[in-house]
Amino acid sequence: MTHYLVTEENPEGKKLEEVLSMIRKDILERCGLITDDQRAEAKAVLNNNMRILNLLTDAVLLAEDSTNILDKAFGPSQASKGGPPRIGHL
């Protein structure tokens, strides 16, 4: 069973792009707290976070593309209503 993502076992879960976007938002908020900190450690963490944000943005776009592919091929997901997965094995 997944902890965060919607599946037939977890109909209250979220789409992958939603989870990634929430994480990205949290990182952005944390970045705002350290932007004025001029210590080397804070600068290094901020630089790392900026790289992570770029990677997360790429991941969000890929997840959205996958959702669009599945929507076009199989229609909207019914997993949140307890429906079967659109692809893969049960």
PDB file of N, CA and C in Angstrom:
ATOM      1  N   MET A   1       0.829  -1.181   0.000  1.00  0.00           N
ATOM      2  CA  MET A   1       0.000   0.000   0.000  1.00  0.00           C
ATOM      3  C   MET A   1       0.875   1.245   0.000  1.00  0.00           C
ATOM      4  N   THR A   2       0.474   2.239  -0.745  1.00  0.00           N
ATOM      5  CA  THR A   2       1.214   3.497  -0.761  1.00  0.00           C
ATOM      6  C   THR A   2       0.787   4.353   0.428  1.00  0.00           C
ATOM      7  N   HIS A   3       1.684   5.214   0.872  1.00  0.00           N
ATOM      8  CA  HIS A   3       1.391   6.095   1.987  1.00  0.00           C
ATOM      9  C   HIS A   3       0.742   7.395   1.530  1.00  0.00           C
ATOM     10  N   TYR A   4       1.141   7.897   0.376  1.00  0.00           N
ATOM     11  CA  TYR A   4       0.731   9.225  -0.065  1.00  0.00           C
ATOM     12  C   TYR A   4      -0.060   9.217  -1.366  1.00  0.00           C
ATOM     13  N   LEU A   5       0.226   8.279  -2.237  1.00  0.00           N
ATOM     14  CA  LEU A   5      -0.352   8.292  -3.576  1.00  0.00           C
ATOM     15  C   LEU A   5      -1.680   7.550  -3.628  1.00  0.00           C
ATOM     16  N   VAL A   6      -2.567   8.034  -4.490  1.00  0.00           N
ATOM     17  CA  VAL A   6      -3.870   7.410  -4.650  1.00  0.00           C
ATOM     18  C   VAL A   6      -3.721   6.039  -5.307  1.00  0.00           C
ATOM     19  N   THR A   7      -4.356   5.061  -4.718  1.00  0.00           N
ATOM     20  CA  THR A   7      -4.452   3.712  -5.276  1.00  0.00           C
ATOM     21  C   THR A   7      -5.826   3.182  -4.875  1.00  0.00           C
ATOM     22  N   GLU A   8      -6.164   2.000  -5.357  1.00  0.00           N
ATOM     23  CA  GLU A   8      -7.450   1.454  -4.940  1.00  0.00           C
ATOM     24  C   GLU A   8      -7.465   1.148  -3.448  1.00  0.00           C
ATOM     25  N   GLU A   9      -6.285   0.837  -2.874  1.00  0.00           N
ATOM     26  CA  GLU A   9      -6.199   0.609  -1.432  1.00  0.00           C
ATOM     27  C   GLU A   9      -6.122   1.919  -0.648  1.00  0.00           C
ATOM     28  N   ASN A  10      -5.741   2.997  -1.309  1.00  0.00           N
ATOM     29  CA  ASN A  10      -5.607   4.301  -0.669  1.00  0.00           C
ATOM     30  C   ASN A  10      -6.341   5.347  -1.504  1.00  0.00           C
ATOM     31  N   PRO A  11      -7.669   5.272  -1.548  1.00  0.00           N
ATOM     32  CA  PRO A  11      -8.424   6.192  -2.408  1.00  0.00           C
ATOM     33  C   PRO A  11      -8.332   7.654  -1.967  1.00  0.00           C
ATOM     34  N   GLU A  12      -7.913   7.899  -0.754  1.00  0.00           N
ATOM     35  CA  GLU A  12      -7.773   9.268  -0.258  1.00  0.00           C
ATOM     36  C   GLU A  12      -6.413   9.870  -0.596  1.00  0.00           C
ATOM     37  N   GLY A  13      -5.560   9.092  -1.263  1.00  0.00           N
ATOM     38  CA  GLY A  13      -4.231   9.572  -1.617  1.00  0.00           C
ATOM     39  C   GLY A  13      -4.278  10.676  -2.654  1.00  0.00           C
ATOM     40  N   LYS A  14      -3.105  11.143  -3.006  1.00  0.00           N
ATOM     41  CA  LYS A  14      -2.976  12.248  -3.961  1.00  0.00           C
ATOM     42  C   LYS A  14      -2.255  11.767  -5.214  1.00  0.00           C
ATOM     43  N   LYS A  15      -2.390  12.550  -6.279  1.00  0.00           N
ATOM     44  CA  LYS A  15      -1.619  12.300  -7.495  1.00  0.00           C
ATOM     45  C   LYS A  15      -0.159  12.620  -7.205  1.00  0.00           C
ATOM     46  N   LEU A  16       0.731  11.958  -7.931  1.00  0.00           N
ATOM     47  CA  LEU A  16       2.161  12.184  -7.749  1.00  0.00           C
ATOM     48  C   LEU A  16       2.515  13.648  -7.909  1.00  0.00           C
ATOM     49  N   GLU A  17       1.966  14.308  -8.926  1.00  0.00           N
ATOM     50  CA  GLU A  17       2.303  15.715  -9.147  1.00  0.00           C
ATOM     51  C   GLU A  17       1.820  16.601  -8.002  1.00  0.00           C
ATOM     52  N   GLU A  18       0.746  16.197  -7.339  1.00  0.00           N
ATOM     53  CA  GLU A  18       0.268  16.968  -6.187  1.00  0.00           C
ATOM     54  C   GLU A  18       1.229  16.844  -5.006  1.00  0.00           C
ATOM     55  N   VAL A  19       1.700  15.641  -4.749  1.00  0.00           N
ATOM     56  CA  VAL A  19       2.651  15.423  -3.647  1.00  0.00           C
ATOM     57  C   VAL A  19       3.949  16.184  -3.914  1.00  0.00           C
ATOM     58  N   LEU A  20       4.460  16.065  -5.130  1.00  0.00           N
ATOM     59  CA  LEU A  20       5.702  16.760  -5.482  1.00  0.00           C
ATOM     60  C   LEU A  20       5.535  18.277  -5.377  1.00  0.00           C
ATOM     61  N   SER A  21       4.390  18.788  -5.790  1.00  0.00           N
ATOM     62  CA  SER A  21       4.129  20.226  -5.703  1.00  0.00           C
ATOM     63  C   SER A  21       4.054  20.691  -4.252  1.00  0.00           C
ATOM     64  N   MET A  22       3.477  19.869  -3.377  1.00  0.00           N
ATOM     65  CA  MET A  22       3.413  20.223  -1.951  1.00  0.00           C
ATOM     66  C   MET A  22       4.813  20.275  -1.345  1.00  0.00           C
ATOM     67  N   ILE A  23       5.649  19.317  -1.711  1.00  0.00           N
ATOM     68  CA  ILE A  23       7.036  19.313  -1.223  1.00  0.00           C
ATOM     69  C   ILE A  23       7.768  20.537  -1.743  1.00  0.00           C
ATOM     70  N   ARG A  24       7.565  20.840  -3.016  1.00  0.00           N
ATOM     71  CA  ARG A  24       8.215  22.020  -3.608  1.00  0.00           C
ATOM     72  C   ARG A  24       7.796  23.289  -2.869  1.00  0.00           C
ATOM     73  N   LYS A  25       6.530  23.404  -2.556  1.00  0.00           N
ATOM     74  CA  LYS A  25       6.037  24.573  -1.824  1.00  0.00           C
ATOM     75  C   LYS A  25       6.689  24.669  -0.443  1.00  0.00           C
ATOM     76  N   ASP A  26       6.795  23.554   0.252  1.00  0.00           N
ATOM     77  CA  ASP A  26       7.438  23.553   1.570  1.00  0.00           C
ATOM     78  C   ASP A  26       8.895  24.005   1.479  1.00  0.00           C
ATOM     79  N   ILE A  27       9.602  23.525   0.468  1.00  0.00           N
ATOM     80  CA  ILE A  27      11.005  23.916   0.303  1.00  0.00           C
ATOM     81  C   ILE A  27      11.110  25.405   0.018  1.00  0.00           C
ATOM     82  N   LEU A  28      10.218  25.914  -0.817  1.00  0.00           N
ATOM     83  CA  LEU A  28      10.219  27.353  -1.106  1.00  0.00           C
ATOM     84  C   LEU A  28      10.020  28.173   0.170  1.00  0.00           C
ATOM     85  N   GLU A  29       9.113  27.725   1.014  1.00  0.00           N
ATOM     86  CA  GLU A  29       8.879  28.436   2.279  1.00  0.00           C
ATOM     87  C   GLU A  29      10.126  28.403   3.160  1.00  0.00           C
ATOM     88  N   ARG A  30      10.779  27.265   3.225  1.00  0.00           N
ATOM     89  CA  ARG A  30      12.004  27.163   4.022  1.00  0.00           C
ATOM     90  C   ARG A  30      13.109  28.034   3.441  1.00  0.00           C
ATOM     91  N   CYS A  31      13.181  28.109   2.119  1.00  0.00           N
ATOM     92  CA  CYS A  31      14.195  28.966   1.489  1.00  0.00           C
ATOM     93  C   CYS A  31      14.000  30.420   1.900  1.00  0.00           C
ATOM     94  N   GLY A  32      12.749  30.829   1.983  1.00  0.00           N
ATOM     95  CA  GLY A  32      12.458  32.202   2.382  1.00  0.00           C
ATOM     96  C   GLY A  32      12.979  32.537   3.760  1.00  0.00           C
ATOM     97  N   LEU A  33      13.098  31.533   4.612  1.00  0.00           N
ATOM     98  CA  LEU A  33      13.576  31.761   5.971  1.00  0.00           C
ATOM     99  C   LEU A  33      15.089  31.936   6.054  1.00  0.00           C
ATOM    100  N   ILE A  34      15.800  31.487   5.026  1.00  0.00           N
ATOM    101  CA  ILE A  34      17.272  31.534   5.114  1.00  0.00           C
ATOM    102  C   ILE A  34      17.921  32.427   4.065  1.00  0.00           C
ATOM    103  N   THR A  35      17.134  33.106   3.243  1.00  0.00           N
ATOM    104  CA  THR A  35      17.724  33.904   2.161  1.00  0.00           C
ATOM    105  C   THR A  35      18.608  35.041   2.659  1.00  0.00           C
ATOM    106  N   ASP A  36      18.336  35.559   3.833  1.00  0.00           N
ATOM    107  CA  ASP A  36      19.147  36.670   4.353  1.00  0.00           C
ATOM    108  C   ASP A  36      20.302  36.216   5.238  1.00  0.00           C
ATOM    109  N   ASP A  37      20.399  34.921   5.474  1.00  0.00           N
ATOM    110  CA  ASP A  37      21.480  34.380   6.296  1.00  0.00           C
ATOM    111  C   ASP A  37      22.734  34.271   5.435  1.00  0.00           C
ATOM    112  N   GLN A  38      23.751  35.029   5.780  1.00  0.00           N
ATOM    113  CA  GLN A  38      24.968  35.101   4.961  1.00  0.00           C
ATOM    114  C   GLN A  38      26.042  34.097   5.356  1.00  0.00           C
ATOM    115  N   ARG A  39      25.771  33.257   6.318  1.00  0.00           N
ATOM    116  CA  ARG A  39      26.758  32.243   6.696  1.00  0.00           C
ATOM    117  C   ARG A  39      26.935  31.238   5.560  1.00  0.00           C
ATOM    118  N   ALA A  40      28.137  30.701   5.472  1.00  0.00           N
ATOM    119  CA  ALA A  40      28.465  29.760   4.399  1.00  0.00           C
ATOM    120  C   ALA A  40      27.529  28.557   4.396  1.00  0.00           C
ATOM    121  N   GLU A  41      27.194  28.065   5.570  1.00  0.00           N
ATOM    122  CA  GLU A  41      26.316  26.896   5.660  1.00  0.00           C
ATOM    123  C   GLU A  41      24.931  27.210   5.102  1.00  0.00           C
ATOM    124  N   ALA A  42      24.406  28.382   5.441  1.00  0.00           N
ATOM    125  CA  ALA A  42      23.083  28.769   4.945  1.00  0.00           C
ATOM    126  C   ALA A  42      23.107  28.943   3.433  1.00  0.00           C
ATOM    127  N   LYS A  43      24.170  29.528   2.930  1.00  0.00           N
ATOM    128  CA  LYS A  43      24.286  29.697   1.475  1.00  0.00           C
ATOM    129  C   LYS A  43      24.349  28.344   0.771  1.00  0.00           C
ATOM    130  N   ALA A  44      25.096  27.407   1.358  1.00  0.00           N
ATOM    131  CA  ALA A  44      25.215  26.073   0.757  1.00  0.00           C
ATOM    132  C   ALA A  44      23.863  25.355   0.757  1.00  0.00           C
ATOM    133  N   VAL A  45      23.135  25.457   1.876  1.00  0.00           N
ATOM    134  CA  VAL A  45      21.816  24.828   1.950  1.00  0.00           C
ATOM    135  C   VAL A  45      20.868  25.478   0.953  1.00  0.00           C
ATOM    136  N   LEU A  46      20.895  26.783   0.852  1.00  0.00           N
ATOM    137  CA  LEU A  46      20.044  27.480  -0.104  1.00  0.00           C
ATOM    138  C   LEU A  46      20.368  27.056  -1.538  1.00  0.00           C
ATOM    139  N   ASN A  47      21.649  26.962  -1.859  1.00  0.00           N
ATOM    140  CA  ASN A  47      22.046  26.509  -3.196  1.00  0.00           C
ATOM    141  C   ASN A  47      21.548  25.091  -3.465  1.00  0.00           C
ATOM    142  N   ASN A  48      21.694  24.217  -2.468  1.00  0.00           N
ATOM    143  CA  ASN A  48      21.202  22.845  -2.630  1.00  0.00           C
ATOM    144  C   ASN A  48      19.694  22.842  -2.837  1.00  0.00           C
ATOM    145  N   ASN A  49      18.983  23.638  -2.037  1.00  0.00           N
ATOM    146  CA  ASN A  49      17.532  23.698  -2.167  1.00  0.00           C
ATOM    147  C   ASN A  49      17.110  24.204  -3.537  1.00  0.00           C
ATOM    148  N   MET A  50      17.836  25.160  -4.080  1.00  0.00           N
ATOM    149  CA  MET A  50      17.502  25.678  -5.410  1.00  0.00           C
ATOM    150  C   MET A  50      17.671  24.586  -6.464  1.00  0.00           C
ATOM    151  N   ARG A  51      18.692  23.790  -6.331  1.00  0.00           N
ATOM    152  CA  ARG A  51      18.883  22.669  -7.266  1.00  0.00           C
ATOM    153  C   ARG A  51      17.765  21.649  -7.120  1.00  0.00           C
ATOM    154  N   ILE A  52      17.405  21.356  -5.864  1.00  0.00           N
ATOM    155  CA  ILE A  52      16.316  20.416  -5.602  1.00  0.00           C
ATOM    156  C   ILE A  52      15.014  20.940  -6.193  1.00  0.00           C
ATOM    157  N   LEU A  53      14.754  22.243  -6.054  1.00  0.00           N
ATOM    158  CA  LEU A  53      13.534  22.830  -6.619  1.00  0.00           C
ATOM    159  C   LEU A  53      13.470  22.650  -8.127  1.00  0.00           C
ATOM    160  N   ASN A  54      14.600  22.828  -8.802  1.00  0.00           N
ATOM    161  CA  ASN A  54      14.631  22.615 -10.256  1.00  0.00           C
ATOM    162  C   ASN A  54      14.322  21.165 -10.601  1.00  0.00           C
ATOM    163  N   LEU A  55      14.907  20.239  -9.846  1.00  0.00           N
ATOM    164  CA  LEU A  55      14.650  18.822 -10.093  1.00  0.00           C
ATOM    165  C   LEU A  55      13.191  18.472  -9.805  1.00  0.00           C
ATOM    166  N   LEU A  56      12.635  19.029  -8.732  1.00  0.00           N
ATOM    167  CA  LEU A  56      11.234  18.789  -8.417  1.00  0.00           C
ATOM    168  C   LEU A  56      10.310  19.336  -9.502  1.00  0.00           C
ATOM    169  N   THR A  57      10.647  20.497 -10.032  1.00  0.00           N
ATOM    170  CA  THR A  57       9.842  21.062 -11.120  1.00  0.00           C
ATOM    171  C   THR A  57       9.854  20.132 -12.322  1.00  0.00           C
ATOM    172  N   ASP A  58      11.021  19.604 -12.658  1.00  0.00           N
ATOM    173  CA  ASP A  58      11.094  18.624 -13.751  1.00  0.00           C
ATOM    174  C   ASP A  58      10.243  17.398 -13.437  1.00  0.00           C
ATOM    175  N   ALA A  59      10.295  16.934 -12.190  1.00  0.00           N
ATOM    176  CA  ALA A  59       9.518  15.762 -11.789  1.00  0.00           C
ATOM    177  C   ALA A  59       8.021  16.045 -11.848  1.00  0.00           C
ATOM    178  N   VAL A  60       7.591  17.228 -11.438  1.00  0.00           N
ATOM    179  CA  VAL A  60       6.174  17.604 -11.515  1.00  0.00           C
ATOM    180  C   VAL A  60       5.712  17.557 -12.974  1.00  0.00           C
ATOM    181  N   LEU A  61       6.513  18.125 -13.866  1.00  0.00           N
ATOM    182  CA  LEU A  61       6.151  18.126 -15.286  1.00  0.00           C
ATOM    183  C   LEU A  61       6.050  16.705 -15.841  1.00  0.00           C
ATOM    184  N   LEU A  62       6.969  15.833 -15.445  1.00  0.00           N
ATOM    185  CA  LEU A  62       6.909  14.442 -15.900  1.00  0.00           C
ATOM    186  C   LEU A  62       5.670  13.741 -15.351  1.00  0.00           C
ATOM    187  N   ALA A  63       5.359  13.967 -14.091  1.00  0.00           N
ATOM    188  CA  ALA A  63       4.181  13.346 -13.485  1.00  0.00           C
ATOM    189  C   ALA A  63       2.905  13.844 -14.157  1.00  0.00           C
ATOM    190  N   GLU A  64       2.842  15.141 -14.437  1.00  0.00           N
ATOM    191  CA  GLU A  64       1.681  15.686 -15.153  1.00  0.00           C
ATOM    192  C   GLU A  64       1.554  15.071 -16.535  1.00  0.00           C
ATOM    193  N   ASP A  65       2.681  14.876 -17.214  1.00  0.00           N
ATOM    194  CA  ASP A  65       2.657  14.256 -18.533  1.00  0.00           C
ATOM    195  C   ASP A  65       2.126  12.826 -18.442  1.00  0.00           C
ATOM    196  N   SER A  66       2.560  12.082 -17.443  1.00  0.00           N
ATOM    197  CA  SER A  66       2.065  10.714 -17.262  1.00  0.00           C
ATOM    198  C   SER A  66       0.561  10.706 -17.014  1.00  0.00           C
ATOM    199  N   THR A  67       0.076  11.617 -16.189  1.00  0.00           N
ATOM    200  CA  THR A  67      -1.363  11.711 -15.932  1.00  0.00           C
ATOM    201  C   THR A  67      -2.113  12.013 -17.219  1.00  0.00           C
ATOM    202  N   ASN A  68      -1.578  12.941 -18.023  1.00  0.00           N
ATOM    203  CA  ASN A  68      -2.222  13.273 -19.298  1.00  0.00           C
ATOM    204  C   ASN A  68      -2.253  12.083 -20.240  1.00  0.00           C
ATOM    205  N   ILE A  69      -1.163  11.327 -20.292  1.00  0.00           N
ATOM    206  CA  ILE A  69      -1.109  10.130 -21.143  1.00  0.00           C
ATOM    207  C   ILE A  69      -2.187   9.138 -20.715  1.00  0.00           C
ATOM    208  N   LEU A  70      -2.274   8.884 -19.401  1.00  0.00           N
ATOM    209  CA  LEU A  70      -3.260   7.933 -18.891  1.00  0.00           C
ATOM    210  C   LEU A  70      -4.680   8.438 -19.106  1.00  0.00           C
ATOM    211  N   ASP A  71      -4.905   9.734 -18.899  1.00  0.00           N
ATOM    212  CA  ASP A  71      -6.245  10.304 -19.117  1.00  0.00           C
ATOM    213  C   ASP A  71      -6.680  10.137 -20.564  1.00  0.00           C
ATOM    214  N   LYS A  72      -5.770  10.398 -21.493  1.00  0.00           N
ATOM    215  CA  LYS A  72      -6.113  10.275 -22.919  1.00  0.00           C
ATOM    216  C   LYS A  72      -6.357   8.829 -23.310  1.00  0.00           C
ATOM    217  N   ALA A  73      -5.546   7.922 -22.790  1.00  0.00           N
ATOM    218  CA  ALA A  73      -5.644   6.525 -23.191  1.00  0.00           C
ATOM    219  C   ALA A  73      -6.789   5.781 -22.499  1.00  0.00           C
ATOM    220  N   PHE A  74      -7.033   6.086 -21.216  1.00  0.00           N
ATOM    221  CA  PHE A  74      -7.963   5.276 -20.432  1.00  0.00           C
ATOM    222  C   PHE A  74      -9.063   6.075 -19.729  1.00  0.00           C
ATOM    223  N   GLY A  75      -9.077   7.378 -19.935  1.00  0.00           N
ATOM    224  CA  GLY A  75     -10.057   8.208 -19.245  1.00  0.00           C
ATOM    225  C   GLY A  75      -9.587   8.564 -17.843  1.00  0.00           C
ATOM    226  N   PRO A  76     -10.366   9.374 -17.148  1.00  0.00           N
ATOM    227  CA  PRO A  76      -9.974   9.811 -15.807  1.00  0.00           C
ATOM    228  C   PRO A  76      -9.839   8.631 -14.841  1.00  0.00           C
ATOM    229  N   SER A  77      -8.928   8.772 -13.911  1.00  0.00           N
ATOM    230  CA  SER A  77      -8.726   7.744 -12.898  1.00  0.00           C
ATOM    231  C   SER A  77      -9.950   7.621 -12.011  1.00  0.00           C
ATOM    232  N   GLN A  78     -10.272   6.408 -11.661  1.00  0.00           N
ATOM    233  CA  GLN A  78     -11.373   6.124 -10.735  1.00  0.00           C
ATOM    234  C   GLN A  78     -10.834   5.617  -9.396  1.00  0.00           C
ATOM    235  N   ALA A  79      -9.520   5.678  -9.203  1.00  0.00           N
ATOM    236  CA  ALA A  79      -8.892   5.143  -7.988  1.00  0.00           C
ATOM    237  C   ALA A  79      -9.410   5.823  -6.728  1.00  0.00           C
ATOM    238  N   SER A  80      -9.688   7.126  -6.807  1.00  0.00           N
ATOM    239  CA  SER A  80     -10.178   7.826  -5.619  1.00  0.00           C
ATOM    240  C   SER A  80     -11.585   7.379  -5.233  1.00  0.00           C
ATOM    241  N   LYS A  81     -12.260   6.677  -6.150  1.00  0.00           N
ATOM    242  CA  LYS A  81     -13.597   6.151  -5.883  1.00  0.00           C
ATOM    243  C   LYS A  81     -13.556   4.641  -5.662  1.00  0.00           C
ATOM    244  N   GLY A  82     -12.336   4.116  -5.464  1.00  0.00           N
ATOM    245  CA  GLY A  82     -12.182   2.684  -5.248  1.00  0.00           C
ATOM    246  C   GLY A  82     -12.084   1.871  -6.513  1.00  0.00           C
ATOM    247  N   GLY A  83     -11.951   2.557  -7.656  1.00  0.00           N
ATOM    248  CA  GLY A  83     -11.867   1.862  -8.937  1.00  0.00           C
ATOM    249  C   GLY A  83     -10.521   1.186  -9.140  1.00  0.00           C
ATOM    250  N   PRO A  84     -10.431   0.352 -10.167  1.00  0.00           N
ATOM    251  CA  PRO A  84      -9.188  -0.368 -10.443  1.00  0.00           C
ATOM    252  C   PRO A  84      -8.129   0.559 -11.034  1.00  0.00           C
ATOM    253  N   PRO A  85      -6.868   0.158 -10.957  1.00  0.00           N
ATOM    254  CA  PRO A  85      -5.815   0.942 -11.591  1.00  0.00           C
ATOM    255  C   PRO A  85      -5.979   0.922 -13.110  1.00  0.00           C
ATOM    256  N   ARG A  86      -5.542   1.996 -13.744  1.00  0.00           N
ATOM    257  CA  ARG A  86      -5.674   2.062 -15.199  1.00  0.00           C
ATOM    258  C   ARG A  86      -4.615   1.220 -15.897  1.00  0.00           C
ATOM    259  N   ILE A  87      -3.458   1.059 -15.287  1.00  0.00           N
ATOM    260  CA  ILE A  87      -2.401   0.212 -15.845  1.00  0.00           C
ATOM    261  C   ILE A  87      -1.766  -0.577 -14.707  1.00  0.00           C
ATOM    262  N   GLY A  88      -1.049  -1.614 -15.065  1.00  0.00           N
ATOM    263  CA  GLY A  88      -0.367  -2.433 -14.059  1.00  0.00           C
ATOM    264  C   GLY A  88      -1.235  -3.570 -13.580  1.00  0.00           C
ATOM    265  N   HIS A  89      -0.683  -4.307 -12.647  1.00  0.00           N
ATOM    266  CA  HIS A  89      -1.365  -5.474 -12.090  1.00  0.00           C
ATOM    267  C   HIS A  89      -1.956  -5.139 -10.741  1.00  0.00           C
ATOM    268  N   LEU A  90      -3.011  -5.799 -10.409  1.00  0.00           N
ATOM    269  CA  LEU A  90      -3.662  -5.594  -9.112  1.00  0.00           C
ATOM    270  C   LEU A  90      -2.861  -6.174  -7.989  1.00  0.00           C
TER     271      LEU A  90
END
